[in-house]
């Protein structure tokens, strides 16, 4: 299956991955919901490194020749899911920004109208 040296390197890489994710969470550079997604990913990778036979079973189940090809397919599927999630977030944020800009424009117009009416009321010469 996986050579011992490769397994050790992958385990070390996963530990570094967990440390980085938790560091980003601690410094509030990564929101909790995204941290959970990345931690879930790390756990899935850890499971595949500890028990690589799962990867080969998945390969046989979906008809892929090798475990590495299965890993690539799973990674591409994961990347597509992340992209869809981020696209959804961007769409929601874009709509929120548009609504905030509209509300800001309405408030600015009200302030100008109040300034004009206050200025007119305080100017006895008109």
C-alpha atoms as a PDB file:
ATOM      1  CA  UNK A   1       0.000   0.000   0.000  1.00  0.00           C
ATOM      2  CA  UNK A   2       1.808   3.137   1.260  1.00  0.00           C
ATOM      3  CA  UNK A   3       5.521   2.933   2.045  1.00  0.00           C
ATOM      4  CA  UNK A   4       6.374   3.698   5.679  1.00  0.00           C
ATOM      5  CA  UNK A   5       8.493   6.741   4.849  1.00  0.00           C
ATOM      6  CA  UNK A   6       5.706   8.262   2.696  1.00  0.00           C
ATOM      7  CA  UNK A   7       3.173   7.581   5.433  1.00  0.00           C
ATOM      8  CA  UNK A   8       5.402   9.346   7.997  1.00  0.00           C
ATOM      9  CA  UNK A   9       5.844  12.385   5.736  1.00  0.00           C
ATOM     10  CA  UNK A  10       2.098  12.558   5.095  1.00  0.00           C
ATOM     11  CA  UNK A  11       1.338  12.314   8.826  1.00  0.00           C
ATOM     12  CA  UNK A  12       3.802  15.135   9.513  1.00  0.00           C
ATOM     13  CA  UNK A  13       2.208  17.235   6.748  1.00  0.00           C
ATOM     14  CA  UNK A  14      -1.256  16.657   8.227  1.00  0.00           C
ATOM     15  CA  UNK A  15      -0.044  17.689  11.688  1.00  0.00           C
ATOM     16  CA  UNK A  16       1.441  20.890  10.211  1.00  0.00           C
ATOM     17  CA  UNK A  17      -1.873  21.440   8.389  1.00  0.00           C
ATOM     18  CA  UNK A  18      -3.802  21.166  11.680  1.00  0.00           C
ATOM     19  CA  UNK A  19      -1.395  23.550  13.418  1.00  0.00           C
ATOM     20  CA  UNK A  20      -1.779  26.137  10.643  1.00  0.00           C
ATOM     21  CA  UNK A  21      -5.587  25.911  10.667  1.00  0.00           C
ATOM     22  CA  UNK A  22      -5.749  26.250  14.446  1.00  0.00           C
ATOM     23  CA  UNK A  23      -3.236  29.142  14.365  1.00  0.00           C
ATOM     24  CA  UNK A  24      -5.419  30.972  11.823  1.00  0.00           C
ATOM     25  CA  UNK A  25      -8.478  30.353  14.000  1.00  0.00           C
ATOM     26  CA  UNK A  26      -6.679  31.614  17.102  1.00  0.00           C
ATOM     27  CA  UNK A  27      -5.647  34.841  15.359  1.00  0.00           C
ATOM     28  CA  UNK A  28      -9.179  35.279  13.976  1.00  0.00           C
ATOM     29  CA  UNK A  29      -7.956  35.124  10.389  1.00  0.00           C
ATOM     30  CA  UNK A  30     -10.273  32.204   9.674  1.00  0.00           C
ATOM     31  CA  UNK A  31     -13.935  32.009  10.686  1.00  0.00           C
ATOM     32  CA  UNK A  32     -15.071  29.072  12.794  1.00  0.00           C
ATOM     33  CA  UNK A  33     -17.332  27.621  10.098  1.00  0.00           C
ATOM     34  CA  UNK A  34     -14.433  27.527   7.636  1.00  0.00           C
ATOM     35  CA  UNK A  35     -12.130  26.138  10.307  1.00  0.00           C
ATOM     36  CA  UNK A  36     -14.539  23.258  10.804  1.00  0.00           C
ATOM     37  CA  UNK A  37     -14.508  22.586   7.067  1.00  0.00           C
ATOM     38  CA  UNK A  38     -10.711  22.508   6.962  1.00  0.00           C
ATOM     39  CA  UNK A  39     -10.507  20.388  10.113  1.00  0.00           C
ATOM     40  CA  UNK A  40     -12.964  17.937   8.574  1.00  0.00           C
ATOM     41  CA  UNK A  41     -10.746  17.800   5.489  1.00  0.00           C
ATOM     42  CA  UNK A  42      -7.697  17.150   7.650  1.00  0.00           C
ATOM     43  CA  UNK A  43      -9.469  14.357   9.497  1.00  0.00           C
ATOM     44  CA  UNK A  44     -10.476  12.749   6.193  1.00  0.00           C
ATOM     45  CA  UNK A  45      -6.879  12.935   4.963  1.00  0.00           C
ATOM     46  CA  UNK A  46      -5.647  11.511   8.248  1.00  0.00           C
ATOM     47  CA  UNK A  47      -8.048   8.572   7.924  1.00  0.00           C
ATOM     48  CA  UNK A  48      -6.859   7.914   4.365  1.00  0.00           C
ATOM     49  CA  UNK A  49      -3.208   7.995   5.471  1.00  0.00           C
ATOM     50  CA  UNK A  50      -3.771   5.711   8.448  1.00  0.00           C
ATOM     51  CA  UNK A  51      -6.008   3.305   6.505  1.00  0.00           C
ATOM     52  CA  UNK A  52      -5.091   3.582   2.809  1.00  0.00           C
ATOM     53  CA  UNK A  53      -7.143   0.469   2.074  1.00  0.00           C
ATOM     54  CA  UNK A  54     -10.231   2.710   2.269  1.00  0.00           C
ATOM     55  CA  UNK A  55      -8.967   4.634  -0.753  1.00  0.00           C
ATOM     56  CA  UNK A  56      -8.483   1.436  -2.714  1.00  0.00           C
ATOM     57  CA  UNK A  57     -11.955   0.221  -1.752  1.00  0.00           C
ATOM     58  CA  UNK A  58     -13.442   3.486  -2.987  1.00  0.00           C
ATOM     59  CA  UNK A  59     -11.442   3.071  -6.215  1.00  0.00           C
ATOM     60  CA  UNK A  60     -12.874  -0.403  -6.786  1.00  0.00           C
ATOM     61  CA  UNK A  61     -16.355   0.760  -5.854  1.00  0.00           C
ATOM     62  CA  UNK A  62     -16.449   3.539  -8.464  1.00  0.00           C
ATOM     63  CA  UNK A  63     -14.396   1.684 -11.055  1.00  0.00           C
ATOM     64  CA  UNK A  64     -11.136   3.638 -10.987  1.00  0.00           C
ATOM     65  CA  UNK A  65      -7.908   1.761 -11.750  1.00  0.00           C
ATOM     66  CA  UNK A  66      -5.651   3.012  -8.953  1.00  0.00           C
ATOM     67  CA  UNK A  67      -5.906   4.570  -5.531  1.00  0.00           C
ATOM     68  CA  UNK A  68      -3.945   7.637  -6.614  1.00  0.00           C
ATOM     69  CA  UNK A  69      -6.438   8.361  -9.399  1.00  0.00           C
ATOM     70  CA  UNK A  70      -9.194   8.040  -6.808  1.00  0.00           C
ATOM     71  CA  UNK A  71      -7.362  10.501  -4.605  1.00  0.00           C
ATOM     72  CA  UNK A  72      -7.156  12.985  -7.497  1.00  0.00           C
ATOM     73  CA  UNK A  73     -10.869  12.578  -8.229  1.00  0.00           C
ATOM     74  CA  UNK A  74     -11.726  13.112  -4.561  1.00  0.00           C
ATOM     75  CA  UNK A  75      -9.474  16.180  -4.373  1.00  0.00           C
ATOM     76  CA  UNK A  76     -11.005  17.689  -7.508  1.00  0.00           C
ATOM     77  CA  UNK A  77     -14.497  17.056  -6.123  1.00  0.00           C
ATOM     78  CA  UNK A  78     -13.487  18.719  -2.857  1.00  0.00           C
ATOM     79  CA  UNK A  79     -12.027  21.723  -4.677  1.00  0.00           C
ATOM     80  CA  UNK A  80     -15.238  22.091  -6.684  1.00  0.00           C
ATOM     81  CA  UNK A  81     -17.271  21.999  -3.462  1.00  0.00           C
ATOM     82  CA  UNK A  82     -15.042  24.672  -1.913  1.00  0.00           C
ATOM     83  CA  UNK A  83     -15.371  26.842  -5.028  1.00  0.00           C
ATOM     84  CA  UNK A  84     -19.149  26.489  -4.995  1.00  0.00           C
ATOM     85  CA  UNK A  85     -19.221  27.411  -1.310  1.00  0.00           C
ATOM     86  CA  UNK A  86     -17.024  30.471  -1.847  1.00  0.00           C
ATOM     87  CA  UNK A  87     -19.058  31.539  -4.889  1.00  0.00           C
ATOM     88  CA  UNK A  88     -22.208  31.339  -2.786  1.00  0.00           C
ATOM     89  CA  UNK A  89     -20.601  33.436  -0.054  1.00  0.00           C
ATOM     90  CA  UNK A  90     -19.424  36.039  -2.556  1.00  0.00           C
ATOM     91  CA  UNK A  91     -22.908  36.239  -4.076  1.00  0.00           C
ATOM     92  CA  UNK A  92     -24.521  36.814  -0.683  1.00  0.00           C
ATOM     93  CA  UNK A  93     -21.914  39.420   0.266  1.00  0.00           C
ATOM     94  CA  UNK A  94     -22.337  41.223  -3.058  1.00  0.00           C
ATOM     95  CA  UNK A  95     -26.080  41.512  -2.425  1.00  0.00           C
ATOM     96  CA  UNK A  96     -25.486  42.757   1.120  1.00  0.00           C
ATOM     97  CA  UNK A  97     -23.007  45.372  -0.138  1.00  0.00           C
ATOM     98  CA  UNK A  98     -25.511  46.552  -2.761  1.00  0.00           C
ATOM     99  CA  UNK A  99     -28.235  46.941  -0.108  1.00  0.00           C
ATOM    100  CA  UNK A 100     -25.853  48.797   2.215  1.00  0.00           C
ATOM    101  CA  UNK A 101     -24.813  51.153  -0.594  1.00  0.00           C
ATOM    102  CA  UNK A 102     -28.469  51.884  -1.360  1.00  0.00           C
ATOM    103  CA  UNK A 103     -29.244  52.521   2.325  1.00  0.00           C
ATOM    104  CA  UNK A 104     -26.185  54.762   2.594  1.00  0.00           C
ATOM    105  CA  UNK A 105     -27.266  56.771  -0.456  1.00  0.00           C
ATOM    106  CA  UNK A 106     -30.760  57.254   1.020  1.00  0.00           C
ATOM    107  CA  UNK A 107     -29.284  58.413   4.338  1.00  0.00           C
ATOM    108  CA  UNK A 108     -26.918  60.828   2.583  1.00  0.00           C
ATOM    109  CA  UNK A 109     -29.856  62.295   0.669  1.00  0.00           C
ATOM    110  CA  UNK A 110     -31.827  62.757   3.922  1.00  0.00           C
ATOM    111  CA  UNK A 111     -28.846  64.461   5.574  1.00  0.00           C
ATOM    112  CA  UNK A 112     -28.502  66.873   2.628  1.00  0.00           C
ATOM    113  CA  UNK A 113     -32.219  67.648   2.742  1.00  0.00           C
ATOM    114  CA  UNK A 114     -32.026  68.301   6.498  1.00  0.00           C
ATOM    115  CA  UNK A 115     -28.968  70.516   6.042  1.00  0.00           C
ATOM    116  CA  UNK A 116     -30.768  72.526   3.372  1.00  0.00           C
ATOM    117  CA  UNK A 117     -33.964  72.854   5.423  1.00  0.00           C
ATOM    118  CA  UNK A 118     -31.983  73.784   8.557  1.00  0.00           C
ATOM    119  CA  UNK A 119     -29.940  76.297   6.604  1.00  0.00           C
ATOM    120  CA  UNK A 120     -33.097  77.837   5.079  1.00  0.00           C
ATOM    121  CA  UNK A 121     -34.838  78.047   8.456  1.00  0.00           C
ATOM    122  CA  UNK A 122     -31.873  79.721  10.145  1.00  0.00           C
ATOM    123  CA  UNK A 123     -31.353  82.283   7.342  1.00  0.00           C
ATOM    124  CA  UNK A 124     -33.827  85.134   8.058  1.00  0.00           C
ATOM    125  CA  UNK A 125     -32.837  86.968   4.897  1.00  0.00           C
ATOM    126  CA  UNK A 126     -34.721  84.551   2.641  1.00  0.00           C
END
